Protein backbone atom coordinates (compact mmCIF):
# COMPACT_ATOMS: atom_id res chain seq x y z
CA MET A 1 -62.69 -59.12 -75.06
CA LYS A 2 -63.28 -55.41 -74.61
CA LEU A 3 -61.76 -53.22 -71.89
CA ASP A 4 -64.32 -51.01 -70.48
CA ARG A 5 -62.31 -47.87 -69.93
CA ARG A 6 -65.28 -45.84 -68.20
CA GLY A 7 -64.83 -47.43 -65.02
CA SER A 8 -60.95 -46.80 -64.86
CA ALA A 9 -59.56 -43.95 -63.01
CA THR A 10 -56.18 -42.38 -63.19
CA VAL A 11 -54.40 -42.50 -59.74
CA ARG A 12 -51.64 -39.50 -59.18
CA ARG A 13 -49.01 -40.13 -56.70
CA SER A 14 -48.71 -37.38 -53.92
CA ASP A 15 -45.46 -35.14 -54.25
CA SER A 16 -42.88 -36.39 -51.58
CA GLY A 17 -40.51 -33.78 -49.65
CA ALA A 18 -40.73 -29.94 -49.00
CA SER A 19 -41.36 -27.37 -51.87
CA LEU A 20 -38.70 -24.60 -52.36
CA ILE A 21 -40.82 -21.90 -50.66
CA GLU A 22 -41.05 -24.33 -47.54
CA MET A 23 -37.39 -24.63 -47.59
CA LEU A 24 -36.66 -20.98 -47.77
CA VAL A 25 -39.11 -20.37 -44.93
CA ALA A 26 -37.37 -22.91 -42.69
CA PHE A 27 -34.01 -21.27 -43.51
CA GLY A 28 -35.17 -17.79 -42.75
CA LEU A 29 -36.53 -18.95 -39.46
CA THR A 30 -33.31 -20.83 -38.76
CA VAL A 31 -31.08 -17.68 -39.65
CA THR A 32 -33.42 -15.48 -37.55
CA VAL A 33 -33.07 -17.73 -34.50
CA SER A 34 -29.39 -18.15 -34.83
CA VAL A 35 -28.90 -14.56 -35.32
CA GLY A 36 -31.00 -13.74 -32.07
CA ALA A 37 -28.81 -16.36 -30.18
CA LEU A 38 -25.70 -15.02 -31.55
CA SER A 39 -26.80 -11.37 -30.63
CA LEU A 40 -27.80 -12.58 -27.09
CA PHE A 41 -24.55 -14.29 -26.92
CA VAL A 42 -22.42 -11.25 -27.80
CA LEU A 43 -24.49 -9.01 -25.42
CA HIS A 44 -23.79 -11.39 -22.57
CA GLN A 45 -20.14 -11.50 -23.49
CA ARG A 46 -19.82 -7.71 -23.66
CA LEU A 47 -21.65 -7.40 -20.48
CA ALA A 48 -19.27 -10.23 -18.69
CA ARG A 49 -16.19 -8.17 -20.22
CA ALA A 50 -17.53 -4.88 -18.92
CA GLN A 51 -17.90 -6.25 -15.49
CA LEU A 52 -14.35 -7.66 -15.39
CA GLU A 53 -13.05 -4.43 -16.77
CA ALA A 54 -14.92 -2.50 -14.03
CA ALA A 55 -13.75 -5.06 -11.37
CA SER A 56 -10.09 -4.76 -12.64
CA LEU A 57 -10.23 -0.82 -12.30
CA GLN A 58 -11.81 -1.04 -9.22
CA GLN A 59 -8.98 -3.18 -7.84
CA ALA A 60 -6.37 -0.96 -9.56
CA GLN A 61 -7.73 2.14 -7.88
CA ARG A 62 -7.91 0.18 -4.40
CA ALA A 63 -4.32 -0.60 -4.63
CA VAL A 64 -3.27 2.88 -5.57
CA HIS A 65 -5.39 4.63 -2.82
CA LEU A 66 -3.83 1.94 -0.30
CA GLU A 67 -0.33 3.00 -1.38
CA LEU A 68 -0.97 6.57 -1.47
CA ARG A 69 -2.56 6.62 2.03
CA ARG A 70 0.30 4.50 3.40
CA ALA A 71 2.89 7.09 2.42
CA LEU A 72 0.99 10.31 3.04
CA ARG A 73 0.36 9.10 6.66
CA ALA A 74 3.99 8.65 7.15
CA ALA A 75 4.89 12.07 5.25
CA GLY A 76 7.05 14.14 7.62
CA ARG A 77 7.54 11.42 10.00
CA GLY A 78 10.39 12.29 12.21
CA GLY A 79 9.88 15.95 12.40
CA LEU A 80 10.98 16.89 8.97
CA ILE A 81 8.64 20.01 8.53
CA HIS A 82 9.93 21.56 11.94
CA GLN A 83 12.49 24.38 11.83
CA LEU A 84 14.52 26.12 14.58
CA PRO A 85 12.57 27.57 17.48
CA GLU A 86 10.50 30.59 16.44
CA GLN A 87 10.71 29.58 12.93
CA PRO A 88 7.57 28.62 10.79
CA PRO A 89 7.31 24.95 9.73
CA ARG A 90 8.02 23.95 6.28
CA PRO A 91 5.36 21.57 5.28
CA GLU A 92 6.60 21.40 1.70
CA LEU A 93 9.63 19.51 2.76
CA ALA A 94 7.39 16.50 3.71
CA LEU A 95 4.87 17.06 0.90
CA ALA A 96 4.95 18.83 -2.47
CA VAL A 97 2.91 18.75 -5.57
CA GLU A 98 3.71 19.58 -9.14
CA LYS A 99 0.36 20.36 -10.74
CA ARG A 100 -0.76 19.57 -14.14
CA VAL A 101 2.79 18.98 -15.56
CA SER A 102 3.60 19.59 -19.12
CA ALA A 103 4.78 16.83 -21.55
CA GLY A 104 8.19 15.32 -20.93
CA HIS A 105 8.06 16.70 -17.20
CA PRO A 106 11.02 14.78 -15.64
CA VAL A 107 10.76 12.45 -12.58
CA GLY A 108 14.44 11.80 -12.44
CA ALA A 109 15.42 10.28 -15.60
CA THR A 110 11.84 9.25 -16.66
CA THR A 111 8.82 11.26 -17.52
CA ALA A 112 5.19 11.96 -16.12
CA ALA A 113 2.24 11.78 -18.43
CA GLU A 114 1.13 15.42 -19.65
CA GLY A 115 -1.79 17.12 -17.70
CA THR A 116 -1.46 15.10 -14.46
CA ASP A 117 -0.06 15.75 -11.04
CA VAL A 118 3.18 14.59 -9.65
CA LEU A 119 3.13 13.97 -5.75
CA ILE A 120 6.30 14.17 -3.76
CA VAL A 121 6.33 12.58 -0.28
CA ARG A 122 9.29 12.67 2.22
CA GLY A 123 9.60 11.09 5.69
CA VAL A 124 10.89 8.09 7.71
CA ILE A 125 8.27 6.01 5.74
CA ASN A 126 9.22 2.37 5.66
CA GLY A 127 11.57 2.08 8.63
CA PRO A 128 11.89 2.67 12.38
CA LEU A 129 12.95 5.87 14.35
CA TYR A 130 15.94 4.32 16.27
CA TRP A 131 16.86 5.36 19.74
CA VAL A 132 20.46 6.48 19.82
CA ASP A 133 22.77 5.06 22.39
CA ASP A 134 25.52 7.57 22.12
CA PHE A 135 26.42 10.45 19.76
CA SER A 136 29.42 12.71 18.96
CA PHE A 137 30.08 15.38 16.19
CA ASP A 138 33.45 16.93 15.17
CA SER A 139 32.47 20.42 14.15
CA ALA A 140 35.84 21.30 12.55
CA ALA A 141 36.20 17.97 10.44
CA ARG A 142 32.30 18.09 9.76
CA ARG A 143 31.93 14.31 10.72
CA GLY A 144 30.02 12.61 13.40
CA SER A 145 28.98 9.31 14.53
CA PHE A 146 26.53 7.55 16.60
CA SER A 147 25.64 4.10 18.02
CA VAL A 148 22.30 2.19 18.02
CA ARG A 149 21.68 -1.12 19.95
CA ALA A 150 19.11 -3.71 19.39
CA LEU A 151 17.96 -3.27 22.83
CA THR A 152 17.04 0.32 23.35
CA PRO A 153 18.06 2.55 26.44
CA TYR A 154 14.35 2.05 27.48
CA GLY A 155 14.54 -1.60 27.48
CA SER A 156 12.45 -2.41 24.18
CA ASP A 157 13.82 -4.11 21.09
CA GLN A 158 14.29 -2.45 17.91
CA SER A 159 15.22 -4.09 14.38
CA LEU A 160 18.56 -2.74 12.91
CA GLU A 161 18.14 -4.32 9.68
CA MET A 162 17.07 -1.32 7.44
CA LEU A 163 19.80 0.96 9.14
CA GLN A 164 22.28 -1.89 8.32
CA GLU A 165 21.27 -2.02 4.80
CA ALA A 166 21.53 1.70 4.37
CA GLY A 167 24.98 1.86 5.70
CA ASP A 168 26.22 -1.08 3.56
CA ALA A 169 24.95 0.81 0.39
CA GLY A 170 26.01 4.24 1.55
CA ASP A 171 24.91 7.82 0.68
CA ASP A 172 21.40 7.13 2.24
CA ALA A 173 20.01 10.16 3.97
CA LEU A 174 20.11 10.13 7.75
CA LEU A 175 17.38 12.18 9.65
CA LEU A 176 18.80 13.06 12.92
CA VAL A 177 16.48 14.63 15.70
CA SER A 178 18.01 16.70 18.38
CA GLY A 179 17.21 15.80 22.19
CA ALA A 180 17.79 19.62 22.95
CA ALA A 181 14.82 21.18 21.08
CA PRO A 182 11.70 19.52 19.86
CA GLY A 183 11.60 19.08 16.29
CA VAL A 184 14.96 20.50 15.51
CA HIS A 185 16.72 18.05 12.94
CA ALA A 186 19.48 17.63 10.54
CA VAL A 187 19.72 15.38 7.19
CA ALA A 188 23.13 14.30 6.19
CA PRO A 189 24.62 11.26 4.28
CA ILE A 190 25.88 8.04 5.76
CA VAL A 191 29.55 7.36 5.42
CA ASP A 192 29.83 3.95 7.07
CA VAL A 193 28.41 1.51 9.26
CA ALA A 194 30.16 -1.06 11.43
CA ALA A 195 28.28 -3.96 13.33
CA SER A 196 29.21 -5.65 16.59
CA GLY A 197 27.72 -8.04 18.85
CA ARG A 198 24.74 -10.39 18.63
CA GLY A 199 21.06 -10.60 19.43
CA ARG A 200 19.82 -7.92 21.85
CA ASN A 201 23.36 -6.75 22.36
CA ARG A 202 24.05 -6.34 18.60
CA THR A 203 25.15 -2.50 18.04
CA LEU A 204 25.50 -0.55 14.92
CA ARG A 205 28.21 2.20 14.87
CA VAL A 206 27.04 4.73 12.00
CA GLU A 207 29.44 7.35 10.57
CA PHE A 208 28.01 10.40 8.69
CA HIS A 209 29.29 13.81 7.47
CA ALA A 210 27.51 17.38 7.35
CA ASP A 211 29.95 18.83 4.63
CA ALA A 212 27.43 20.27 2.00
CA SER A 213 30.51 20.58 -0.63
CA ARG A 214 30.97 16.99 -0.44
CA GLY A 215 29.44 14.45 -2.82
CA SER A 216 26.23 14.58 -5.07
CA TYR A 217 23.84 14.33 -2.24
CA ALA A 218 24.99 16.51 0.70
CA ALA A 219 23.84 19.80 -0.25
CA GLY A 220 20.48 18.56 -0.81
CA PHE A 221 20.27 16.57 2.20
CA LEU A 222 21.44 19.39 4.38
CA SER A 223 19.28 21.94 2.86
CA MET A 224 16.22 20.16 4.46
CA SER A 225 17.71 20.33 7.94
CA SER A 226 16.20 22.84 10.48
CA GLY A 227 17.36 26.20 9.31
CA GLY A 228 18.51 25.01 5.92
CA SER A 229 21.96 23.69 7.07
CA TRP A 230 23.47 21.80 10.11
CA PRO A 231 21.89 23.27 13.07
CA ALA A 232 25.03 23.31 15.10
CA GLY A 233 23.51 25.08 18.33
CA TYR A 234 20.97 22.27 18.74
CA MET A 235 22.68 19.16 17.79
CA GLY A 236 25.08 18.61 20.87
CA GLY A 237 22.93 15.36 21.46
CA VAL A 238 20.87 13.17 19.08
CA GLU A 239 17.78 11.35 20.48
CA ARG A 240 16.48 9.47 17.49
CA VAL A 241 17.55 8.57 14.00
CA GLY A 242 15.98 7.41 10.85
CA VAL A 243 16.42 6.52 7.17
CA LEU A 244 14.88 9.63 5.28
CA GLU A 245 13.12 8.67 1.96
CA GLU A 246 11.74 10.47 -0.78
CA TRP A 247 8.93 8.92 -3.05
CA ARG A 248 7.22 10.68 -5.95
CA PHE A 249 3.74 9.23 -7.37
CA TYR A 250 3.04 10.05 -10.92
CA VAL A 251 1.40 8.65 -14.23
CA ARG A 252 3.45 6.91 -16.59
CA PRO A 253 2.29 7.79 -20.08
CA PRO A 254 1.00 5.01 -22.33
CA ASP A 255 3.13 3.32 -24.91
CA PRO A 256 0.94 2.29 -27.81
CA GLY A 257 3.88 0.63 -29.60
CA GLY A 258 4.36 -1.78 -26.70
CA GLY A 259 0.70 -2.13 -26.17
CA ARG A 260 0.81 -0.59 -22.57
CA GLY A 261 -1.66 1.71 -21.37
CA SER A 262 -1.02 4.40 -18.69
CA GLN A 263 0.32 3.29 -15.37
CA LEU A 264 0.29 4.83 -11.97
CA ALA A 265 4.11 4.65 -10.65
CA MET A 266 6.07 5.69 -7.94
CA ALA A 267 9.84 6.66 -7.94
CA ARG A 268 12.23 6.49 -5.35
CA LEU A 269 14.97 9.26 -5.30
CA TYR A 270 17.61 10.39 -2.93
CA PRO A 271 15.84 13.19 -1.03
CA GLY A 272 16.18 16.72 -2.34
CA THR A 273 17.76 15.37 -5.53
CA ASP A 274 16.75 14.03 -8.87
CA ILE A 275 19.07 11.12 -8.51
CA ALA A 276 17.37 7.51 -8.67
CA TRP A 277 17.78 5.56 -5.22
CA ARG A 278 20.88 3.18 -5.48
CA ARG A 279 21.52 5.07 -9.05
CA HIS A 280 19.06 2.03 -10.43
CA SER A 281 16.64 3.40 -13.19
CA ALA A 282 14.14 0.63 -12.12
CA ASN A 283 13.64 2.50 -9.03
CA LEU A 284 11.97 5.24 -10.86
CA ALA A 285 9.15 3.24 -12.37
CA GLN A 286 7.89 0.85 -9.61
CA VAL A 287 4.32 0.28 -11.17
CA VAL A 288 1.40 0.41 -8.66
CA ALA A 289 -1.47 -0.22 -10.97
CA ASP A 290 -2.16 -0.25 -14.71
CA ASP A 291 -5.04 1.85 -16.58
CA ILE A 292 -4.66 4.86 -14.16
CA SER A 293 -4.97 7.77 -16.60
CA ASP A 294 -4.96 10.77 -14.25
CA LEU A 295 -3.77 11.83 -10.73
CA GLU A 296 -4.92 14.95 -9.15
CA VAL A 297 -3.75 16.15 -5.53
CA ALA A 298 -5.20 18.83 -3.35
CA VAL A 299 -3.56 20.07 -0.17
CA GLU A 300 -5.52 22.31 2.08
CA GLU A 301 -4.93 23.92 5.56
CA VAL A 302 -7.93 23.46 7.76
CA GLY A 303 -8.93 24.36 11.31
CA ASP A 304 -7.72 27.13 13.66
CA GLY A 305 -4.36 25.19 14.34
CA PRO A 306 -1.98 23.59 11.94
CA GLY A 307 -4.08 20.93 10.52
CA TRP A 308 -3.60 19.80 6.88
CA THR A 309 -5.39 17.47 4.64
CA VAL A 310 -4.70 16.05 1.27
CA THR A 311 -7.15 14.93 -1.26
CA VAL A 312 -6.12 12.44 -4.03
CA ALA A 313 -8.26 11.75 -7.09
CA THR A 314 -7.44 9.22 -9.62
CA THR A 315 -9.03 8.22 -12.89
CA ALA A 316 -8.93 4.85 -14.41
CA ARG A 317 -9.67 3.93 -17.85
CA SER A 318 -9.40 0.40 -19.49
CA GLY A 319 -8.72 -0.75 -22.91
CA GLU A 320 -5.80 -0.58 -25.34
CA PRO A 321 -4.16 2.71 -25.48
CA ALA A 322 -5.49 3.53 -28.83
CA ALA A 323 -9.15 2.68 -27.77
CA ALA A 324 -8.83 3.94 -24.16
CA ALA A 325 -10.44 7.52 -24.93
CA LEU A 326 -13.62 5.53 -26.17
CA ARG A 327 -13.83 3.73 -22.50
CA ALA A 328 -15.96 5.25 -19.52
CA PRO A 329 -13.62 6.33 -16.97
CA ARG A 330 -13.73 5.52 -13.26
CA THR A 331 -12.92 7.89 -10.60
CA ALA A 332 -11.92 7.40 -6.85
CA THR A 333 -11.02 9.83 -4.30
CA THR A 334 -9.49 9.70 -0.94
CA THR A 335 -8.92 12.54 1.91
CA ILE A 336 -6.16 12.04 4.39
CA ARG A 337 -5.51 14.13 7.52
CA MET A 338 -1.94 14.67 7.82
CA ARG A 339 -0.40 13.27 11.04
CA ASN A 340 2.83 14.80 11.26
CA PHE A 341 2.17 18.20 10.36
CA GLN A 342 1.54 19.29 13.94
């Protein structure tokens, strides 16, 4: 039997799977979509990071300006700028600015960043002005004492805690305000304090001296008194006393090796000296906020009378110290009317 080949047909099987070109096209599309998604993710990540940095800088500057306003509003509190009658006031006793300091400029035993300002504020800042119960002074011995009670002579209460602590530590500066002439005052070191009684009858007996040749602090303290020394003719009676403080606000330079950027810090010193309060170096570098790279202070006398304003500008810049220069800075400004310069 013969096989008729004319009616036969060769049937070819269709190719299964994708060709190389189709695979390359699919891979290219996948890469393109992935790159787009990754770019969008990186963009959003950068935006989120920038927003966090901006919020952090804003919070840092808010903390700085809050602290500066608080200190400046108390500058000169207690009458520090006033001199003897007929003598002009000395605002520089309560407020001073060291402008655009050079590299290594000292703030006690530490240093400020180059090209920034250092703000010096003095006054009865963190404690009360105490009403004095009685007062005595031995002009020959250059020593005196006074008493303060928890219950004032006017029937109100006053906390004695800060004065007690100052007396226990010793060497703190007392601001003694005369009752004989408005604003006349003396600044002298505490020698000792003794407590007695309880509750509203609690009494502190405080001793001080006015000998400029005695101790590391006395000369600096007494130079801030009305007339530049103990105003003997006006200190027969003392009406109010307070603990005089000195604070310096400055920018700490960055420490690239330690990964720390610039900071706004404040230092507490014994007034009129370069000695750290309590002789602790930690009191010279109390950090207020990170990433503050510049501090600029302008003091201006305004109006027809003795009116003064202080304008404080800070610049904040985030990022590691090495890369901080590439970051956009943020500036903030505050103007304060000086309350105690009248």
